[in-house]
Amino acid sequence: EDHRMHSEIGHVSVATADALNAVRARGGRVVSV
């Protein structure tokens, strides 16, 4: 609770978000590398 994380800049595109939501909707798994 007393540790402070530093921020990092990131981006998730519309195309990637849509594709991953479709994967899970059909029963596939999202595997984070």
Full PDB file with SEQRES, HELIX, SHEET, SSBOND, CRYST1, ORIGX, SCALE, CONECT and MASTER records, all heavy atoms in Angstrom:
SEQRES   1 A   33  GLU ASP HIS ARG MET HIS SER GLU ILE GLY HIS VAL SER          
SEQRES   2 A   33  VAL ALA THR ALA ASP ALA LEU ASN ALA VAL ARG ALA ARG          
SEQRES   3 A   33  GLY GLY ARG VAL VAL SER VAL                                  
HELIX    1 AA1 VAL A   14  ALA A   25  1                                  12    
CRYST1    1.000    1.000    1.000  90.00  90.00  90.00 P 1           1          
ORIGX1      1.000000  0.000000  0.000000        0.00000                         
ORIGX2      0.000000  1.000000  0.000000        0.00000                         
ORIGX3      0.000000  0.000000  1.000000        0.00000                         
SCALE1      1.000000  0.000000  0.000000        0.00000                         
SCALE2      0.000000  1.000000  0.000000        0.00000                         
SCALE3      0.000000  0.000000  1.000000        0.00000                         
ATOM      1  N   GLU A   1       0.819  -1.215   0.000  1.00  0.00           N  
ATOM      2  CA  GLU A   1       0.000   0.000   0.000  1.00  0.00           C  
ATOM      3  C   GLU A   1       0.854   1.267   0.000  1.00  0.00           C  
ATOM      4  O   GLU A   1       0.407   2.334  -0.450  1.00  0.00           O  
ATOM      5  CB  GLU A   1      -0.931   0.017   1.215  1.00  0.00           C  
ATOM      6  CG  GLU A   1      -2.047  -1.018   1.183  1.00  0.00           C  
ATOM      7  CD  GLU A   1      -1.584  -2.411   1.571  1.00  0.00           C  
ATOM      8  OE1 GLU A   1      -0.410  -2.561   2.028  1.00  0.00           O  
ATOM      9  OE2 GLU A   1      -2.373  -3.355   1.421  1.00  0.00           O  
ATOM     10  N   ASP A   2       2.092   1.159   0.473  1.00  0.00           N  
ATOM     11  CA  ASP A   2       2.954   2.338   0.578  1.00  0.00           C  
ATOM     12  C   ASP A   2       3.892   2.508  -0.615  1.00  0.00           C  
ATOM     13  O   ASP A   2       4.695   3.447  -0.640  1.00  0.00           O  
ATOM     14  CB  ASP A   2       3.790   2.262   1.859  1.00  0.00           C  
ATOM     15  CG  ASP A   2       2.943   2.408   3.114  1.00  0.00           C  
ATOM     16  OD1 ASP A   2       1.880   3.059   3.033  1.00  0.00           O  
ATOM     17  OD2 ASP A   2       3.331   1.858   4.160  1.00  0.00           O  
ATOM     18  N   HIS A   3       3.805   1.600  -1.599  1.00  0.00           N  
ATOM     19  CA  HIS A   3       4.689   1.696  -2.766  1.00  0.00           C  
ATOM     20  C   HIS A   3       4.034   2.531  -3.856  1.00  0.00           C  
ATOM     21  O   HIS A   3       2.849   2.365  -4.152  1.00  0.00           O  
ATOM     22  CB  HIS A   3       5.017   0.308  -3.317  1.00  0.00           C  
ATOM     23  CG  HIS A   3       5.873   0.343  -4.547  1.00  0.00           C  
ATOM     24  ND1 HIS A   3       7.190   0.742  -4.529  1.00  0.00           N  
ATOM     25  CD2 HIS A   3       5.583   0.045  -5.845  1.00  0.00           C  
ATOM     26  CE1 HIS A   3       7.683   0.689  -5.757  1.00  0.00           C  
ATOM     27  NE2 HIS A   3       6.728   0.273  -6.570  1.00  0.00           N  
ATOM     28  N   ARG A   4       4.826   3.413  -4.473  1.00  0.00           N  
ATOM     29  CA  ARG A   4       4.316   4.236  -5.572  1.00  0.00           C  
ATOM     30  C   ARG A   4       4.890   3.759  -6.902  1.00  0.00           C  
ATOM     31  O   ARG A   4       6.107   3.678  -7.071  1.00  0.00           O  
ATOM     32  CB  ARG A   4       4.696   5.709  -5.360  1.00  0.00           C  
ATOM     33  CG  ARG A   4       4.171   6.651  -6.454  1.00  0.00           C  
ATOM     34  CD  ARG A   4       4.515   8.084  -6.129  1.00  0.00           C  
ATOM     35  NE  ARG A   4       5.929   8.367  -6.274  1.00  0.00           N  
ATOM     36  CZ  ARG A   4       6.492   8.790  -7.411  1.00  0.00           C  
ATOM     37  NH1 ARG A   4       5.761   8.939  -8.513  1.00  0.00           N  
ATOM     38  NH2 ARG A   4       7.788   9.053  -7.461  1.00  0.00           N  
ATOM     39  N   MET A   5       4.013   3.437  -7.839  1.00  0.00           N  
ATOM     40  CA  MET A   5       4.437   3.026  -9.171  1.00  0.00           C  
ATOM     41  C   MET A   5       4.719   4.254 -10.032  1.00  0.00           C  
ATOM     42  O   MET A   5       4.024   5.280  -9.914  1.00  0.00           O  
ATOM     43  CB  MET A   5       3.348   2.187  -9.845  1.00  0.00           C  
ATOM     44  CG  MET A   5       3.122   0.835  -9.222  1.00  0.00           C  
ATOM     45  SD  MET A   5       4.412  -0.364  -9.621  1.00  0.00           S  
ATOM     46  CE  MET A   5       3.971  -0.780 -11.321  1.00  0.00           C  
ATOM     47  N   HIS A   6       5.705   4.160 -10.920  1.00  0.00           N  
ATOM     48  CA  HIS A   6       5.944   5.214 -11.900  1.00  0.00           C  
ATOM     49  C   HIS A   6       5.066   4.982 -13.122  1.00  0.00           C  
ATOM     50  O   HIS A   6       4.766   3.850 -13.485  1.00  0.00           O  
ATOM     51  CB  HIS A   6       7.419   5.257 -12.298  1.00  0.00           C  
ATOM     52  CG  HIS A   6       8.288   5.868 -11.260  1.00  0.00           C  
ATOM     53  ND1 HIS A   6       8.736   5.165 -10.159  1.00  0.00           N  
ATOM     54  CD2 HIS A   6       8.793   7.129 -11.128  1.00  0.00           C  
ATOM     55  CE1 HIS A   6       9.476   5.962  -9.406  1.00  0.00           C  
ATOM     56  NE2 HIS A   6       9.533   7.141  -9.962  1.00  0.00           N  
ATOM     57  N   SER A   7       4.665   6.066 -13.753  1.00  0.00           N  
ATOM     58  CA  SER A   7       3.785   5.975 -14.915  1.00  0.00           C  
ATOM     59  C   SER A   7       4.553   5.593 -16.169  1.00  0.00           C  
ATOM     60  O   SER A   7       5.743   5.904 -16.311  1.00  0.00           O  
ATOM     61  CB  SER A   7       3.067   7.308 -15.153  1.00  0.00           C  
ATOM     62  OG  SER A   7       2.197   7.612 -14.092  1.00  0.00           O  
ATOM     63  N   GLU A   8       3.846   4.936 -17.089  1.00  0.00           N  
ATOM     64  CA  GLU A   8       4.381   4.587 -18.396  1.00  0.00           C  
ATOM     65  C   GLU A   8       3.323   4.904 -19.449  1.00  0.00           C  
ATOM     66  O   GLU A   8       2.119   4.771 -19.198  1.00  0.00           O  
ATOM     67  CB  GLU A   8       4.763   3.105 -18.447  1.00  0.00           C  
ATOM     68  CG  GLU A   8       5.890   2.749 -17.476  1.00  0.00           C  
ATOM     69  CD  GLU A   8       6.054   1.255 -17.276  1.00  0.00           C  
ATOM     70  OE1 GLU A   8       5.033   0.554 -17.143  1.00  0.00           O  
ATOM     71  OE2 GLU A   8       7.197   0.783 -17.240  1.00  0.00           O  
ATOM     72  N   ILE A   9       3.773   5.327 -20.619  1.00  0.00           N  
ATOM     73  CA  ILE A   9       2.863   5.741 -21.690  1.00  0.00           C  
ATOM     74  C   ILE A   9       2.515   4.544 -22.565  1.00  0.00           C  
ATOM     75  O   ILE A   9       3.394   3.781 -22.984  1.00  0.00           O  
ATOM     76  CB  ILE A   9       3.506   6.845 -22.558  1.00  0.00           C  
ATOM     77  CG1 ILE A   9       3.831   8.072 -21.695  1.00  0.00           C  
ATOM     78  CG2 ILE A   9       2.585   7.220 -23.713  1.00  0.00           C  
ATOM     79  CD1 ILE A   9       2.625   8.762 -21.122  1.00  0.00           C  
ATOM     80  N   GLY A  10       1.210   4.379 -22.872  1.00  0.00           N  
ATOM     81  CA  GLY A  10       0.789   3.246 -23.689  1.00  0.00           C  
ATOM     82  C   GLY A  10      -0.334   3.593 -24.641  1.00  0.00           C  
ATOM     83  O   GLY A  10      -0.968   4.655 -24.548  1.00  0.00           O  
ATOM     84  N   HIS A  11      -0.589   2.644 -25.560  1.00  0.00           N  
ATOM     85  CA  HIS A  11      -1.619   2.859 -26.594  1.00  0.00           C  
ATOM     86  C   HIS A  11      -2.213   1.515 -27.018  1.00  0.00           C  
ATOM     87  O   HIS A  11      -1.474   0.563 -27.306  1.00  0.00           O  
ATOM     88  CB  HIS A  11      -1.001   3.562 -27.805  1.00  0.00           C  
ATOM     89  CG  HIS A  11      -1.942   3.750 -28.947  1.00  0.00           C  
ATOM     90  ND1 HIS A  11      -2.971   4.678 -28.928  1.00  0.00           N  
ATOM     91  CD2 HIS A  11      -2.042   3.111 -30.146  1.00  0.00           C  
ATOM     92  CE1 HIS A  11      -3.643   4.599 -30.070  1.00  0.00           C  
ATOM     93  NE2 HIS A  11      -3.099   3.661 -30.818  1.00  0.00           N  
ATOM     94  N   VAL A  12      -3.534   1.451 -27.041  1.00  0.00           N  
ATOM     95  CA  VAL A  12      -4.268   0.311 -27.590  1.00  0.00           C  
ATOM     96  C   VAL A  12      -5.171   0.849 -28.691  1.00  0.00           C  
ATOM     97  O   VAL A  12      -6.025   1.704 -28.444  1.00  0.00           O  
ATOM     98  CB  VAL A  12      -5.137  -0.392 -26.519  1.00  0.00           C  
ATOM     99  CG1 VAL A  12      -5.889  -1.569 -27.129  1.00  0.00           C  
ATOM    100  CG2 VAL A  12      -4.282  -0.852 -25.342  1.00  0.00           C  
ATOM    101  N   SER A  13      -4.979   0.361 -29.906  1.00  0.00           N  
ATOM    102  CA  SER A  13      -5.742   0.885 -31.042  1.00  0.00           C  
ATOM    103  C   SER A  13      -7.162   0.338 -31.056  1.00  0.00           C  
ATOM    104  O   SER A  13      -7.475  -0.679 -30.420  1.00  0.00           O  
ATOM    105  CB  SER A  13      -5.049   0.524 -32.360  1.00  0.00           C  
ATOM    106  OG  SER A  13      -5.143  -0.878 -32.590  1.00  0.00           O  
ATOM    107  N   VAL A  14      -8.018   1.014 -31.798  1.00  0.00           N  
ATOM    108  CA  VAL A  14      -9.395   0.549 -31.974  1.00  0.00           C  
ATOM    109  C   VAL A  14      -9.405  -0.846 -32.598  1.00  0.00           C  
ATOM    110  O   VAL A  14     -10.140  -1.739 -32.162  1.00  0.00           O  
ATOM    111  CB  VAL A  14     -10.183   1.534 -32.870  1.00  0.00           C  
ATOM    112  CG1 VAL A  14     -11.568   0.979 -33.195  1.00  0.00           C  
ATOM    113  CG2 VAL A  14     -10.312   2.893 -32.197  1.00  0.00           C  
ATOM    114  N   ALA A  15      -8.555  -1.052 -33.611  1.00  0.00           N  
ATOM    115  CA  ALA A  15      -8.524  -2.342 -34.308  1.00  0.00           C  
ATOM    116  C   ALA A  15      -8.108  -3.469 -33.364  1.00  0.00           C  
ATOM    117  O   ALA A  15      -8.692  -4.559 -33.378  1.00  0.00           O  
ATOM    118  CB  ALA A  15      -7.579  -2.272 -35.506  1.00  0.00           C  
ATOM    119  N   THR A  16      -7.109  -3.216 -32.536  1.00  0.00           N  
ATOM    120  CA  THR A  16      -6.655  -4.252 -31.604  1.00  0.00           C  
ATOM    121  C   THR A  16      -7.711  -4.536 -30.547  1.00  0.00           C  
ATOM    122  O   THR A  16      -7.976  -5.702 -30.218  1.00  0.00           O  
ATOM    123  CB  THR A  16      -5.337  -3.825 -30.936  1.00  0.00           C  
ATOM    124  OG1 THR A  16      -4.311  -3.768 -31.936  1.00  0.00           O  
ATOM    125  CG2 THR A  16      -4.920  -4.804 -29.852  1.00  0.00           C  
ATOM    126  N   ALA A  17      -8.323  -3.500 -30.000  1.00  0.00           N  
ATOM    127  CA  ALA A  17      -9.376  -3.701 -28.998  1.00  0.00           C  
ATOM    128  C   ALA A  17     -10.522  -4.525 -29.578  1.00  0.00           C  
ATOM    129  O   ALA A  17     -10.995  -5.486 -28.955  1.00  0.00           O  
ATOM    130  CB  ALA A  17      -9.881  -2.348 -28.500  1.00  0.00           C  
ATOM    131  N   ASP A  18     -10.962  -4.178 -30.782  1.00  0.00           N  
ATOM    132  CA  ASP A  18     -12.072  -4.910 -31.421  1.00  0.00           C  
ATOM    133  C   ASP A  18     -11.689  -6.367 -31.665  1.00  0.00           C  
ATOM    134  O   ASP A  18     -12.490  -7.285 -31.435  1.00  0.00           O  
ATOM    135  CB  ASP A  18     -12.458  -4.240 -32.739  1.00  0.00           C  
ATOM    136  CG  ASP A  18     -13.177  -2.906 -32.537  1.00  0.00           C  
ATOM    137  OD1 ASP A  18     -13.597  -2.627 -31.388  1.00  0.00           O  
ATOM    138  OD2 ASP A  18     -13.298  -2.156 -33.517  1.00  0.00           O  
ATOM    139  N   ALA A  19     -10.471  -6.596 -32.133  1.00  0.00           N  
ATOM    140  CA  ALA A  19     -10.040  -7.956 -32.454  1.00  0.00           C  
ATOM    141  C   ALA A  19      -9.973  -8.817 -31.195  1.00  0.00           C  
ATOM    142  O   ALA A  19     -10.397  -9.982 -31.200  1.00  0.00           O  
ATOM    143  CB  ALA A  19      -8.678  -7.922 -33.151  1.00  0.00           C  
ATOM    144  N   LEU A  20      -9.451  -8.281 -30.108  1.00  0.00           N  
ATOM    145  CA  LEU A  20      -9.329  -9.061 -28.876  1.00  0.00           C  
ATOM    146  C   LEU A  20     -10.692  -9.331 -28.241  1.00  0.00           C  
ATOM    147  O   LEU A  20     -10.924 -10.414 -27.694  1.00  0.00           O  
ATOM    148  CB  LEU A  20      -8.410  -8.337 -27.889  1.00  0.00           C  
ATOM    149  CG  LEU A  20      -6.955  -8.214 -28.336  1.00  0.00           C  
ATOM    150  CD1 LEU A  20      -6.145  -7.422 -27.312  1.00  0.00           C  
ATOM    151  CD2 LEU A  20      -6.324  -9.590 -28.573  1.00  0.00           C  
ATOM    152  N   ASN A  21     -11.585  -8.373 -28.316  1.00  0.00           N  
ATOM    153  CA  ASN A  21     -12.941  -8.613 -27.818  1.00  0.00           C  
ATOM    154  C   ASN A  21     -13.631  -9.708 -28.629  1.00  0.00           C  
ATOM    155  O   ASN A  21     -14.369 -10.536 -28.074  1.00  0.00           O  
ATOM    156  CB  ASN A  21     -13.758  -7.319 -27.866  1.00  0.00           C  
ATOM    157  CG  ASN A  21     -13.299  -6.308 -26.825  1.00  0.00           C  
ATOM    158  OD1 ASN A  21     -12.811  -6.678 -25.761  1.00  0.00           O  
ATOM    159  ND2 ASN A  21     -13.446  -5.031 -27.138  1.00  0.00           N  
ATOM    160  N   ALA A  22     -13.371  -9.748 -29.938  1.00  0.00           N  
ATOM    161  CA  ALA A  22     -13.945 -10.798 -30.786  1.00  0.00           C  
ATOM    162  C   ALA A  22     -13.369 -12.171 -30.432  1.00  0.00           C  
ATOM    163  O   ALA A  22     -14.075 -13.184 -30.452  1.00  0.00           O  
ATOM    164  CB  ALA A  22     -13.691 -10.473 -32.258  1.00  0.00           C  
ATOM    165  N   VAL A  23     -12.078 -12.217 -30.095  1.00  0.00           N  
ATOM    166  CA  VAL A  23     -11.447 -13.478 -29.696  1.00  0.00           C  
ATOM    167  C   VAL A  23     -12.158 -14.064 -28.479  1.00  0.00           C  
ATOM    168  O   VAL A  23     -12.533 -15.243 -28.450  1.00  0.00           O  
ATOM    169  CB  VAL A  23      -9.950 -13.254 -29.390  1.00  0.00           C  
ATOM    170  CG1 VAL A  23      -9.352 -14.458 -28.664  1.00  0.00           C  
ATOM    171  CG2 VAL A  23      -9.182 -12.994 -30.683  1.00  0.00           C  
ATOM    172  N   ARG A  24     -12.364 -13.253 -27.482  1.00  0.00           N  
ATOM    173  CA  ARG A  24     -12.994 -13.751 -26.252  1.00  0.00           C  
ATOM    174  C   ARG A  24     -14.468 -14.071 -26.471  1.00  0.00           C  
ATOM    175  O   ARG A  24     -14.999 -15.013 -25.876  1.00  0.00           O  
ATOM    176  CB  ARG A  24     -12.839 -12.728 -25.132  1.00  0.00           C  
ATOM    177  CG  ARG A  24     -11.386 -12.493 -24.749  1.00  0.00           C  
ATOM    178  CD  ARG A  24     -11.259 -11.639 -23.530  1.00  0.00           C  
ATOM    179  NE  ARG A  24     -11.059 -12.439 -22.325  1.00  0.00           N  
ATOM    180  CZ  ARG A  24     -11.084 -11.929 -21.103  1.00  0.00           C  
ATOM    181  NH1 ARG A  24     -11.340 -10.641 -20.932  1.00  0.00           N  
ATOM    182  NH2 ARG A  24     -10.866 -12.695 -20.053  1.00  0.00           N  
ATOM    183  N   ALA A  25     -15.126 -13.319 -27.332  1.00  0.00           N  
ATOM    184  CA  ALA A  25     -16.548 -13.554 -27.592  1.00  0.00           C  
ATOM    185  C   ALA A  25     -16.775 -14.927 -28.220  1.00  0.00           C  
ATOM    186  O   ALA A  25     -17.813 -15.559 -27.983  1.00  0.00           O  
ATOM    187  CB  ALA A  25     -17.105 -12.451 -28.497  1.00  0.00           C  
ATOM    188  N   ARG A  26     -15.818 -15.413 -28.991  1.00  0.00           N  
ATOM    189  CA  ARG A  26     -15.983 -16.723 -29.627  1.00  0.00           C  
ATOM    190  C   ARG A  26     -15.325 -17.846 -28.818  1.00  0.00           C  
ATOM    191  O   ARG A  26     -15.227 -18.986 -29.282  1.00  0.00           O  
ATOM    192  CB  ARG A  26     -15.415 -16.707 -31.044  1.00  0.00           C  
ATOM    193  CG  ARG A  26     -13.918 -16.493 -31.142  1.00  0.00           C  
ATOM    194  CD  ARG A  26     -13.421 -16.769 -32.566  1.00  0.00           C  
ATOM    195  NE  ARG A  26     -11.984 -16.656 -32.640  1.00  0.00           N  
ATOM    196  CZ  ARG A  26     -11.321 -15.579 -33.051  1.00  0.00           C  
ATOM    197  NH1 ARG A  26     -11.992 -14.504 -33.440  1.00  0.00           N  
ATOM    198  NH2 ARG A  26     -10.002 -15.573 -33.073  1.00  0.00           N  
ATOM    199  N   GLY A  27     -14.842 -17.539 -27.606  1.00  0.00           N  
ATOM    200  CA  GLY A  27     -14.299 -18.575 -26.741  1.00  0.00           C  
ATOM    201  C   GLY A  27     -12.803 -18.727 -26.773  1.00  0.00           C  
ATOM    202  O   GLY A  27     -12.250 -19.625 -26.119  1.00  0.00           O  
ATOM    203  N   GLY A  28     -12.099 -17.887 -27.509  1.00  0.00           N  
ATOM    204  CA  GLY A  28     -10.647 -17.924 -27.521  1.00  0.00           C  
ATOM    205  C   GLY A  28     -10.068 -17.235 -26.296  1.00  0.00           C  
ATOM    206  O   GLY A  28     -10.779 -16.562 -25.541  1.00  0.00           O  
ATOM    207  N   ARG A  29      -8.771 -17.413 -26.102  1.00  0.00           N  
ATOM    208  CA  ARG A  29      -8.111 -16.826 -24.940  1.00  0.00           C  
ATOM    209  C   ARG A  29      -7.157 -15.706 -25.359  1.00  0.00           C  
ATOM    210  O   ARG A  29      -6.479 -15.808 -26.384  1.00  0.00           O  
ATOM    211  CB  ARG A  29      -7.333 -17.904 -24.179  1.00  0.00           C  
ATOM    212  CG  ARG A  29      -8.207 -18.991 -23.578  1.00  0.00           C  
ATOM    213  CD  ARG A  29      -7.384 -20.118 -23.000  1.00  0.00           C  
ATOM    214  NE  ARG A  29      -6.566 -20.802 -24.010  1.00  0.00           N  
ATOM    215  CZ  ARG A  29      -5.814 -21.872 -23.760  1.00  0.00           C  
ATOM    216  NH1 ARG A  29      -5.759 -22.356 -22.523  1.00  0.00           N  
ATOM    217  NH2 ARG A  29      -5.115 -22.433 -24.734  1.00  0.00           N  
ATOM    218  N   VAL A  30      -7.119 -14.657 -24.549  1.00  0.00           N  
ATOM    219  CA  VAL A  30      -6.156 -13.575 -24.735  1.00  0.00           C  
ATOM    220  C   VAL A  30      -4.910 -13.927 -23.933  1.00  0.00           C  
ATOM    221  O   VAL A  30      -4.966 -14.082 -22.707  1.00  0.00           O  
ATOM    222  CB  VAL A  30      -6.740 -12.230 -24.285  1.00  0.00           C  
ATOM    223  CG1 VAL A  30      -5.648 -11.150 -24.277  1.00  0.00           C  
ATOM    224  CG2 VAL A  30      -7.883 -11.818 -25.205  1.00  0.00           C  
ATOM    225  N   VAL A  31      -3.794 -14.091 -24.639  1.00  0.00           N  
ATOM    226  CA  VAL A  31      -2.530 -14.501 -24.026  1.00  0.00           C  
ATOM    227  C   VAL A  31      -1.572 -13.320 -24.096  1.00  0.00           C  
ATOM    228  O   VAL A  31      -1.121 -12.943 -25.179  1.00  0.00           O  
ATOM    229  CB  VAL A  31      -1.930 -15.727 -24.745  1.00  0.00           C  
ATOM    230  CG1 VAL A  31      -0.659 -16.183 -24.036  1.00  0.00           C  
ATOM    231  CG2 VAL A  31      -2.956 -16.849 -24.837  1.00  0.00           C  
ATOM    232  N   SER A  32      -1.280 -12.729 -22.961  1.00  0.00           N  
ATOM    233  CA  SER A  32      -0.390 -11.571 -22.922  1.00  0.00           C  
ATOM    234  C   SER A  32       1.059 -12.030 -22.961  1.00  0.00           C  
ATOM    235  O   SER A  32       1.483 -12.853 -22.152  1.00  0.00           O  
ATOM    236  CB  SER A  32      -0.646 -10.763 -21.650  1.00  0.00           C  
ATOM    237  OG  SER A  32       0.256  -9.686 -21.564  1.00  0.00           O  
ATOM    238  N   VAL A  33       1.826 -11.493 -23.902  1.00  0.00           N  
ATOM    239  CA  VAL A  33       3.266 -11.742 -23.950  1.00  0.00           C  
ATOM    240  C   VAL A  33       3.921 -10.643 -23.111  1.00  0.00           C  
ATOM    241  O   VAL A  33       4.160  -9.538 -23.580  1.00  0.00           O  
ATOM    242  CB  VAL A  33       3.790 -11.745 -25.392  1.00  0.00           C  
ATOM    243  CG1 VAL A  33       5.307 -11.949 -25.402  1.00  0.00           C  
ATOM    244  CG2 VAL A  33       3.102 -12.835 -26.206  1.00  0.00           C  
TER     245      VAL A  33                                                      
MASTER        0    0    0    1    0    0    0    6  244    1    0    3          
END                                                                             
